[in-house]
Amino acid sequence: MSNRDHGSVSPYGEPERDRTAIVIATALVSRLLLVLYAKVYFAPGWFFSRGLEMGLLADSFLRGKGLSSPFGMETGPTAIVAPGYPLLVSFVFRLFGSYTSASALCLMLFGAVCNVATAYLIYRLSRTIASERSAFFVSIFWTCSLPLIWMPTIFWETNLSALCPIGLASLLLSRRRDTTKFWCVCGMLCGTAALFNPALAPCLTLIVIYTLFKAPALAKRWRFVSVWSLGAVLLYSPWPLRNARVFHACVLTRTTVGLELWMGNNEHATGFLDTSLFPTYNQAELADYRARGEIDYMAHKGQMAADFIHAHPSIFLTMSARRVLRFWTGTGTSGGSVLFGLHATLTLILGGFGLALLWQGARRDICLTMLIPLLVFPLPYYITHAEFRYRLVVDPVLTVLAAPAINWLLRKRWQSAGTWATNIAPGALQRSSAAMEEKSPN
């Protein structure tokens, strides 16, 4: 049974639909103000200066060369990133021109829309596990937190990725009945999400499997699993098929696994991302990449990383533990703002407490559904690098889990206030009455 407040009026007097409107309006206005600020005060190319390969791939696609040459010169086909976001950028470039202010504005607005949808889902999902007021509180907190207001300026798929786990959880928990059509559409949505960020695929898949198999009376679970898989494969399969055709190799997600592992595990590694090793910024690495070709280059880097880990297991374990800590405390970005750490630590503490409250209560189904992305999604970043923007993907999940914690704290506060009114206030009233009687002329 939900812990939502009874009635349709909030403690502030507005109906429930008005609270929803406030959340959406706050998210929208804050992001629009940010976009306007970036448009006025930053140079036109500022937005595209981070995530250069996204723009290069989009531009290459527009020139009829497919997804290729991600490092600024002709190097042939590539699969260093999944195709979803570069193709979206190429569509925007076609409409508004490559690297124009209008294109930057459009992409930032896309990120803003994703943020608004995320804020709405945080509010909607929080209401199912906590009170109306705590759901309102956590959704407004996520909307107004300074590190998150800047999310639309990230020239990556991060804004959409942050929407996906909480979006799937909300979709599955709010469904009225299981049908073939529902699970087929759900599979297609998951396949589309994986085209933007393949790192989402394991956690989304496990959420679906857990949802279908937690109900012992669901006789058609295997049928729905098959339909979901068909929908996901139908949308995602063109990507690995394309890779097999152009590389003559099996590349299911991205080719950069070996490179990312080596960048995080070498004799000079600190646990932070060292962009100076990336071929975009390192001429020696770019020359090696061109000489070997993408597949052999990435395999070579993976072997170098494996050799280093085998030779220095204690260093690997120490740096991995450091990356785990940095991921969850928001300190994984070298030179990142202290606000990153403050936001991440607060949501970690409140989200963890809320998770424990759900586990102790009768909501273990929701608890496990929300726990899956927290356990699965960060795993690759524990052994490579734990940038704050990766932490942003699971932040909405932690924010939802913070709602029961806020609800508990509010209840404790009300109980304390009630105890004060019961035990202290009567004595104060008696003393006040006695004082008034002494001052009375009668």
Foldseek 3Di string as FASTA:
>chain_A
DFAADPDQADPVGDGVVVLLVVLLVLLLVLLVVVLVCCLPPPDLQPLCPPPVLLLVQLVCVLVVQHRADSQPDGQHHFFQAFPQLSVVLNVLCVVPNRSGSSSLSVQLVVLSVLRSLLLSLQLVLLRRHHYNVLSSVLSVCCSPQVVNSCRSSHSACLSVLLNPLSVLLSLLVPDDDDDLVSLLVLLLVLLSSCSRPVLCNVLSLVLLLLSLPVDPPNPCSVVSNVSSPVSNCVSNVVRQVVCCVRVVDGDRHGLQLLVLLLQCFDPPHDQARDCCLPVSNDVVLVVVCSVLPSNRSSVVSNVRSVVRCVVCVVVQVVSLVVQVVCQQQQNQHVVDDVSSRVLSVVLSVLLVVLLVVCVPDDNVSSSVSLVSCVPRSCVSCSSGTRHSSSSSSSSSSSSSSSSSVVNVVVVVVVVVVVVCCVPPVVVVVVVVVVVVVVPDPD
